Amino acid sequence: MLEDWLAPKAAALESRGLTRRLRPRASGEVVVDLASNDYLGLARDPRVVEAAVEAVREWGASATASRLVTGTTALHAELESELAAYVGQETGLAFSSGYLANLGVITALGGPGTLLVSDDHVHASMVDACRLSRSRVEVTPHNDVEAVAKALAERNEPRAVVLVESVYSVLGDAAPLTEFAALAVEHDAVLLVDEAHGLGVTGNGRGSVAAAGLAGADHVIVTMTLSKSLASQGGVVLGPSVLRDHLINRARAFIFDTGLNPAACGAALATLRILIEEPWRPEAIHSTAARLAAACGVSASAGPVVSVPMPGPREAVLAADLCLANGVRVGSFRPPSVPDGISRLRLTAHAGLSATDLDRACDVITTAIREAS
């Protein structure tokens, strides 16, 4: 039955050049990596690895239960407290992934009586949260302040949440956070900002919300992933203590999920402390991103992501394959991962990349784009 059901769907994807396949990496592989989300270049740093190992030695390989049973350790509390302090928020609550952090907070705030105003380029986790929220959802054009204002002004619901990313994962552009925050105040709404690509990168590492002077504002909520700049895995929701208490009691993605494992907590905490001690790393990301953008002839990014449009999905895959064959790994984004339907190469800048490797990567990427196009 499954063959009859799924084979035509697979064939349809293949005919459009949209089939996705897993490609396991070898541990000793030597490439210039411009595809991973290890923005600060710390995933293999001995200090971070040792912190993860030490956490396993002390706490074991698992949190052993949900956070409300025995799954909350002293490491969780340290991570939540130190991360909240770093980005200027009152409290934080760690989830086992960034996906679940968005799912948890949006569904816990949603429901009948809450309007969700969602930018049409937000991450899939926010999209899925909207679908599960039981709220009315208004999807607005990308970074369209007037459309958000109209949606808020015309709503019948007593509550509203505006959903944006600080730096977008496909286009690499920034949200107008100051304008959106002002609209939230004007219309008695809440602004929820996903800082997945802002933490460790913008605002000297503290993120775009802090850079905009909005950290700690009672109408602004922040979500972050620990799997990008913090070189680990997990997610966190940051905001006032009343929000944290609400999530502990209402967020199903938190209540019914096993707690973030100790190794991930230890690694993220170690990376955060290194970021504080080595403040040069965020600026290194920006300079690398600018160099990549210039080489590819595209606009500079607001964060680590450099987005290079390609003629189509097959050309994007071919260019990525050519790059890898020449020792440079880049990302290849195709529909439906790209909200505007344009296939792209997605280059992610990393701190600590040597000048030699960066020059070589630029040569390889530009040659691949030319040959594939």
Protein backbone atom coordinates (compact mmCIF):
# COMPACT_ATOMS: atom_id res chain seq x y z
CA MET A 1 0.00 0.00 0.00
CA LEU A 2 2.76 2.47 0.90
CA GLU A 3 4.51 1.86 -2.43
CA ASP A 4 1.35 2.76 -4.35
CA TRP A 5 0.77 5.77 -2.12
CA LEU A 6 4.26 7.26 -1.91
CA ALA A 7 6.01 6.33 -5.16
CA PRO A 8 4.04 8.86 -7.28
CA LYS A 9 4.86 11.60 -4.76
CA ALA A 10 8.56 10.72 -4.92
CA ALA A 11 8.47 10.69 -8.72
CA ALA A 12 6.84 14.12 -8.79
CA LEU A 13 9.61 15.56 -6.60
CA GLU A 14 12.32 13.93 -8.71
CA SER A 15 10.86 15.32 -11.94
CA ARG A 16 11.10 18.86 -10.53
CA GLY A 17 14.62 18.44 -9.14
CA LEU A 18 13.38 18.73 -5.55
CA THR A 19 14.31 15.32 -4.10
CA ARG A 20 16.29 15.55 -0.85
CA ARG A 21 18.79 12.91 0.26
CA LEU A 22 20.87 12.42 3.39
CA ARG A 23 24.64 12.55 2.94
CA PRO A 24 26.48 11.27 6.01
CA ARG A 25 29.73 13.09 6.76
CA ALA A 26 32.92 11.26 7.65
CA SER A 27 34.53 12.38 10.90
CA GLY A 28 37.90 13.03 9.29
CA GLU A 29 36.56 14.91 6.29
CA VAL A 30 38.65 17.96 5.35
CA VAL A 31 36.60 20.69 3.68
CA VAL A 32 36.06 24.40 4.02
CA ASP A 33 32.65 24.36 5.66
CA LEU A 34 30.31 27.14 4.57
CA ALA A 35 27.12 25.15 5.04
CA SER A 36 26.89 24.46 8.78
CA ASN A 37 25.38 26.78 11.38
CA ASP A 38 28.49 26.76 13.56
CA TYR A 39 28.72 30.54 13.22
CA LEU A 40 31.25 31.16 15.98
CA GLY A 41 33.43 28.23 14.87
CA LEU A 42 33.32 26.58 18.29
CA ALA A 43 31.59 23.22 17.72
CA ARG A 44 34.95 21.41 17.77
CA ASP A 45 36.71 23.76 20.16
CA PRO A 46 38.39 21.62 22.86
CA ARG A 47 36.92 23.80 25.60
CA VAL A 48 33.40 23.18 24.37
CA VAL A 49 33.93 19.47 23.76
CA GLU A 50 35.43 19.02 27.22
CA ALA A 51 32.51 20.85 28.82
CA ALA A 52 30.09 18.48 27.10
CA VAL A 53 32.11 15.45 28.21
CA GLU A 54 32.33 16.74 31.77
CA ALA A 55 28.57 17.25 31.86
CA VAL A 56 28.07 13.63 30.79
CA ARG A 57 30.49 12.43 33.45
CA GLU A 58 28.64 14.37 36.14
CA TRP A 59 25.01 14.04 35.04
CA GLY A 60 24.92 11.09 32.63
CA ALA A 61 23.91 10.91 28.99
CA SER A 62 20.28 11.90 29.53
CA ALA A 63 18.23 14.35 31.57
CA THR A 64 16.29 11.14 32.40
CA ALA A 65 12.80 12.68 32.41
CA SER A 66 10.74 15.72 31.56
CA ARG A 67 11.80 18.99 33.13
CA LEU A 68 8.87 18.90 35.59
CA VAL A 69 9.81 15.45 36.93
CA THR A 70 13.58 15.00 37.38
CA GLY A 71 14.82 16.45 34.08
CA THR A 72 15.88 19.85 35.43
CA THR A 73 19.50 19.92 36.57
CA ALA A 74 21.68 22.65 37.99
CA LEU A 75 23.18 22.94 34.48
CA HIS A 76 19.80 23.87 33.03
CA ALA A 77 19.38 26.59 35.63
CA GLU A 78 22.90 27.95 34.99
CA LEU A 79 22.38 28.03 31.24
CA GLU A 80 19.00 29.76 31.47
CA SER A 81 20.26 32.32 33.96
CA GLU A 82 23.53 33.19 32.20
CA LEU A 83 22.01 33.36 28.72
CA ALA A 84 19.16 35.59 29.93
CA ALA A 85 21.66 37.91 31.61
CA TYR A 86 23.86 38.06 28.52
CA VAL A 87 21.06 39.13 26.17
CA GLY A 88 19.38 41.40 28.73
CA GLN A 89 16.25 39.36 29.49
CA GLU A 90 14.72 38.67 32.88
CA THR A 91 14.41 34.89 32.54
CA GLY A 92 14.89 32.01 30.13
CA LEU A 93 13.45 28.53 29.73
CA ALA A 94 15.35 25.83 27.82
CA PHE A 95 13.63 23.40 25.47
CA SER A 96 15.18 20.36 23.78
CA SER A 97 15.29 22.10 20.38
CA GLY A 98 14.79 25.51 18.86
CA TYR A 99 11.88 24.05 16.90
CA LEU A 100 10.14 23.07 20.13
CA ALA A 101 10.88 26.45 21.73
CA ASN A 102 8.91 28.19 18.97
CA LEU A 103 6.24 25.52 18.99
CA GLY A 104 5.90 25.73 22.75
CA VAL A 105 5.65 29.47 23.22
CA ILE A 106 3.39 30.17 20.22
CA THR A 107 0.89 27.43 21.02
CA ALA A 108 0.92 28.41 24.71
CA LEU A 109 0.08 32.02 23.82
CA GLY A 110 -2.29 31.12 21.00
CA GLY A 111 -5.82 29.84 20.92
CA PRO A 112 -9.23 31.45 20.45
CA GLY A 113 -8.99 35.13 21.24
CA THR A 114 -5.38 35.49 20.05
CA LEU A 115 -4.48 36.71 16.58
CA LEU A 116 -1.11 35.58 15.22
CA VAL A 117 0.38 38.00 12.67
CA SER A 118 3.15 36.08 10.92
CA ASP A 119 5.73 37.31 8.42
CA ASP A 120 5.59 35.09 5.35
CA HIS A 121 9.31 34.26 5.64
CA VAL A 122 9.34 32.93 9.22
CA HIS A 123 10.87 29.53 10.00
CA ALA A 124 8.89 26.32 9.56
CA SER A 125 8.71 25.90 13.35
CA MET A 126 6.71 29.13 13.59
CA VAL A 127 4.53 28.13 10.65
CA ASP A 128 3.74 24.78 12.25
CA ALA A 129 3.10 26.44 15.62
CA CYS A 130 0.56 28.74 13.95
CA ARG A 131 -1.18 25.72 12.45
CA LEU A 132 -1.41 24.02 15.84
CA SER A 133 -2.30 27.10 17.85
CA ARG A 134 -6.08 27.19 17.16
CA SER A 135 -5.60 30.93 16.58
CA ARG A 136 -6.65 32.95 13.58
CA VAL A 137 -3.47 33.56 11.59
CA GLU A 138 -2.79 36.57 9.37
CA VAL A 139 0.26 36.05 7.11
CA THR A 140 1.77 39.37 6.03
CA PRO A 141 4.25 40.13 3.21
CA HIS A 142 7.89 40.00 4.22
CA ASN A 143 8.97 42.89 6.48
CA ASP A 144 5.82 44.85 5.57
CA VAL A 145 5.24 47.21 8.50
CA GLU A 146 2.06 48.68 7.02
CA ALA A 147 0.51 45.24 6.52
CA VAL A 148 1.24 44.31 10.14
CA ALA A 149 -0.26 47.60 11.34
CA LYS A 150 -3.41 46.95 9.29
CA ALA A 151 -3.77 43.40 10.63
CA LEU A 152 -3.44 44.60 14.21
CA ALA A 153 -5.77 47.56 13.78
CA GLU A 154 -8.55 45.51 12.16
CA ARG A 155 -8.49 42.55 14.50
CA ASN A 156 -11.43 41.51 16.66
CA GLU A 157 -9.36 39.39 19.03
CA PRO A 158 -8.39 40.88 22.42
CA ARG A 159 -4.85 39.56 22.11
CA ALA A 160 -2.29 39.52 19.29
CA VAL A 161 1.25 38.26 18.72
CA VAL A 162 3.48 39.44 15.86
CA LEU A 163 5.91 36.75 14.69
CA VAL A 164 9.21 37.69 13.03
CA GLU A 165 12.85 36.62 12.81
CA SER A 166 15.57 39.12 13.67
CA VAL A 167 17.72 37.89 10.76
CA TYR A 168 16.05 35.68 8.18
CA SER A 169 17.53 32.30 7.40
CA VAL A 170 17.09 32.34 3.61
CA LEU A 171 17.48 35.96 2.49
CA GLY A 172 19.80 36.95 5.33
CA ASP A 173 18.02 40.29 5.77
CA ALA A 174 16.95 41.95 9.02
CA ALA A 175 13.49 42.67 10.40
CA PRO A 176 12.59 46.28 11.28
CA LEU A 177 12.32 45.43 14.96
CA THR A 178 11.96 49.01 16.23
CA GLU A 179 8.94 49.62 13.99
CA PHE A 180 7.32 46.31 14.86
CA ALA A 181 7.87 46.86 18.58
CA ALA A 182 6.24 50.31 18.33
CA LEU A 183 3.25 48.76 16.57
CA ALA A 184 2.96 46.18 19.33
CA VAL A 185 2.78 48.92 21.96
CA GLU A 186 0.30 50.96 19.92
CA HIS A 187 -2.05 48.03 19.37
CA ASP A 188 -1.66 46.28 22.75
CA ALA A 189 0.11 43.31 21.18
CA VAL A 190 3.23 41.22 21.81
CA LEU A 191 6.24 40.97 19.49
CA LEU A 192 7.89 37.55 19.32
CA VAL A 193 11.35 37.60 17.75
CA ASP A 194 13.23 34.46 16.72
CA GLU A 195 16.93 35.26 17.22
CA ALA A 196 18.22 31.98 15.77
CA HIS A 197 20.52 33.88 13.42
CA GLY A 198 21.07 36.91 15.65
CA LEU A 199 22.51 35.40 18.83
CA GLY A 200 26.31 35.47 18.66
CA VAL A 201 26.21 37.56 15.49
CA THR A 202 24.33 40.87 15.73
CA GLY A 203 24.47 43.41 18.54
CA ASN A 204 28.09 42.43 19.30
CA GLY A 205 26.79 38.91 19.93
CA ARG A 206 23.84 39.80 22.14
CA GLY A 207 21.39 39.73 19.26
CA SER A 208 19.25 42.18 17.36
CA VAL A 209 16.69 42.69 20.12
CA ALA A 210 19.40 43.97 22.45
CA ALA A 211 20.90 46.07 19.65
CA ALA A 212 17.51 47.72 19.10
CA GLY A 213 17.22 48.61 22.79
CA LEU A 214 14.30 46.22 23.27
CA ALA A 215 15.90 43.73 25.66
CA GLY A 216 13.76 43.31 28.75
CA ALA A 217 10.73 45.08 27.27
CA ASP A 218 7.58 43.49 28.67
CA HIS A 219 5.92 43.32 25.25
CA VAL A 220 8.85 41.57 23.52
CA ILE A 221 9.53 37.82 23.66
CA VAL A 222 12.70 36.25 22.28
CA THR A 223 13.34 32.70 21.13
CA MET A 224 16.80 31.36 20.37
CA THR A 225 18.37 28.13 19.27
CA LEU A 226 21.44 26.67 20.94
CA SER A 227 22.38 24.78 17.75
CA LYS A 228 23.90 27.64 15.79
CA SER A 229 26.19 30.17 17.47
CA LEU A 230 26.19 28.22 20.73
CA ALA A 231 27.51 25.09 18.96
CA SER A 232 25.16 22.71 20.75
CA GLN A 233 21.53 21.63 20.50
CA GLY A 234 18.35 22.91 22.08
CA GLY A 235 16.33 26.10 22.25
CA VAL A 236 15.29 28.73 24.74
CA VAL A 237 12.46 31.20 25.27
CA LEU A 238 13.43 34.44 27.00
CA GLY A 239 11.25 37.14 28.52
CA PRO A 240 9.58 38.20 31.76
CA SER A 241 9.14 35.74 34.63
CA VAL A 242 5.37 35.69 34.16
CA LEU A 243 5.96 34.21 30.68
CA ARG A 244 8.32 31.56 32.02
CA ASP A 245 5.75 30.51 34.63
CA HIS A 246 3.06 30.34 31.95
CA LEU A 247 5.20 28.13 29.72
CA ILE A 248 6.05 25.74 32.53
CA ASN A 249 2.33 25.21 33.05
CA ARG A 250 0.99 25.53 29.51
CA ALA A 251 3.63 24.72 26.87
CA ARG A 252 3.00 21.11 25.86
CA ALA A 253 6.32 21.00 23.95
CA PHE A 254 8.01 21.64 27.30
CA ILE A 255 5.78 19.71 29.72
CA PHE A 256 5.69 16.43 27.81
CA ASP A 257 9.24 16.36 26.43
CA THR A 258 12.36 14.91 28.03
CA GLY A 259 14.64 17.68 29.23
CA LEU A 260 17.59 18.94 27.19
CA ASN A 261 20.44 16.46 27.67
CA PRO A 262 23.33 17.44 29.97
CA ALA A 263 25.97 17.38 27.23
CA ALA A 264 24.04 19.95 25.23
CA CYS A 265 23.62 22.14 28.31
CA GLY A 266 27.32 21.94 29.15
CA ALA A 267 28.44 22.69 25.60
CA ALA A 268 26.09 25.66 25.17
CA LEU A 269 27.13 27.13 28.51
CA ALA A 270 30.82 26.78 27.66
CA THR A 271 30.29 28.42 24.25
CA LEU A 272 28.40 31.30 25.81
CA ARG A 273 31.26 31.94 28.23
CA ILE A 274 33.81 31.83 25.38
CA LEU A 275 31.72 34.31 23.41
CA ILE A 276 31.80 36.70 26.36
CA GLU A 277 35.56 36.27 26.74
CA GLU A 278 36.29 36.54 23.00
CA PRO A 279 34.11 39.39 21.71
CA TRP A 280 35.99 39.51 18.37
CA ARG A 281 34.07 36.53 17.03
CA PRO A 282 30.81 38.29 15.95
CA GLU A 283 32.71 40.88 13.92
CA ALA A 284 34.70 38.10 12.23
CA ILE A 285 31.40 36.60 11.05
CA HIS A 286 30.35 39.90 9.46
CA SER A 287 33.66 40.46 7.69
CA THR A 288 33.61 36.92 6.29
CA ALA A 289 29.99 37.31 5.14
CA ALA A 290 30.85 40.59 3.41
CA ARG A 291 33.75 38.94 1.56
CA LEU A 292 31.54 36.06 0.39
CA ALA A 293 28.79 38.42 -0.73
CA ALA A 294 31.21 40.58 -2.71
CA ALA A 295 32.70 37.55 -4.45
CA CYS A 296 29.26 36.29 -5.46
CA GLY A 297 27.97 39.71 -6.52
CA VAL A 298 25.08 39.84 -4.05
CA SER A 299 24.08 42.30 -1.35
CA ALA A 300 25.75 42.12 2.04
CA SER A 301 23.84 40.17 4.67
CA ALA A 302 22.57 41.45 8.01
CA GLY A 303 23.93 38.29 9.61
CA PRO A 304 25.89 35.15 8.76
CA VAL A 305 23.78 33.97 5.82
CA VAL A 306 24.77 34.92 2.26
CA SER A 307 22.00 34.06 -0.18
CA VAL A 308 22.94 33.52 -3.85
CA PRO A 309 20.00 33.10 -6.26
CA MET A 310 20.34 30.34 -8.86
CA PRO A 311 18.40 29.77 -12.12
CA GLY A 312 16.63 26.72 -10.72
CA PRO A 313 16.81 23.81 -8.27
CA ARG A 314 18.96 21.57 -10.48
CA GLU A 315 21.50 24.35 -11.00
CA ALA A 316 21.62 24.99 -7.26
CA VAL A 317 22.29 21.32 -6.50
CA LEU A 318 24.89 21.07 -9.25
CA ALA A 319 26.75 24.15 -7.99
CA ALA A 320 26.78 22.75 -4.45
CA ASP A 321 28.07 19.42 -5.75
CA LEU A 322 30.83 21.13 -7.74
CA CYS A 323 31.87 23.09 -4.66
CA LEU A 324 32.05 19.94 -2.54
CA ALA A 325 34.06 18.13 -5.20
CA ASN A 326 36.59 20.94 -4.86
CA GLY A 327 36.72 20.88 -1.07
CA VAL A 328 34.14 23.54 -0.15
CA ARG A 329 30.77 22.67 1.37
CA VAL A 330 27.88 25.10 0.77
CA GLY A 331 24.15 24.83 1.33
CA SER A 332 21.58 24.38 -1.44
CA PHE A 333 18.07 25.68 -0.75
CA ARG A 334 15.16 24.76 -3.00
CA PRO A 335 11.36 24.99 -2.75
CA PRO A 336 9.60 24.60 -0.38
CA SER A 337 12.47 25.70 1.89
CA VAL A 338 12.65 29.07 0.12
CA PRO A 339 9.53 31.19 0.77
CA ASP A 340 9.77 33.08 -2.52
CA GLY A 341 10.29 29.96 -4.63
CA ILE A 342 13.78 30.97 -5.83
CA SER A 343 16.43 28.25 -5.47
CA ARG A 344 19.64 29.45 -3.88
CA LEU A 345 23.08 28.63 -2.70
CA ARG A 346 23.18 29.41 1.01
CA LEU A 347 26.61 30.30 2.35
CA THR A 348 27.11 30.65 6.09
CA ALA A 349 30.01 32.71 7.40
CA HIS A 350 32.00 31.37 10.32
CA ALA A 351 34.35 33.11 12.72
CA GLY A 352 37.89 31.77 12.64
CA LEU A 353 37.96 30.93 8.94
CA SER A 354 41.48 31.61 7.70
CA ALA A 355 42.15 34.17 4.96
CA THR A 356 43.63 31.42 2.79
CA ASP A 357 40.56 29.19 3.13
CA LEU A 358 38.24 32.14 2.51
CA ASP A 359 40.05 33.15 -0.68
CA ARG A 360 40.01 29.56 -1.91
CA ALA A 361 36.32 29.19 -1.09
CA CYS A 362 35.44 32.35 -3.00
CA ASP A 363 37.29 31.05 -6.08
CA VAL A 364 35.64 27.63 -5.89
CA ILE A 365 32.14 29.03 -5.34
CA THR A 366 32.27 31.59 -8.15
CA THR A 367 33.60 28.98 -10.57
CA ALA A 368 30.87 26.51 -9.57
CA ILE A 369 28.13 29.12 -9.99
CA ARG A 370 29.41 29.98 -13.47
CA GLU A 371 29.64 26.34 -14.56
CA ALA A 372 26.29 25.31 -13.09
CA SER A 373 24.42 28.29 -14.52
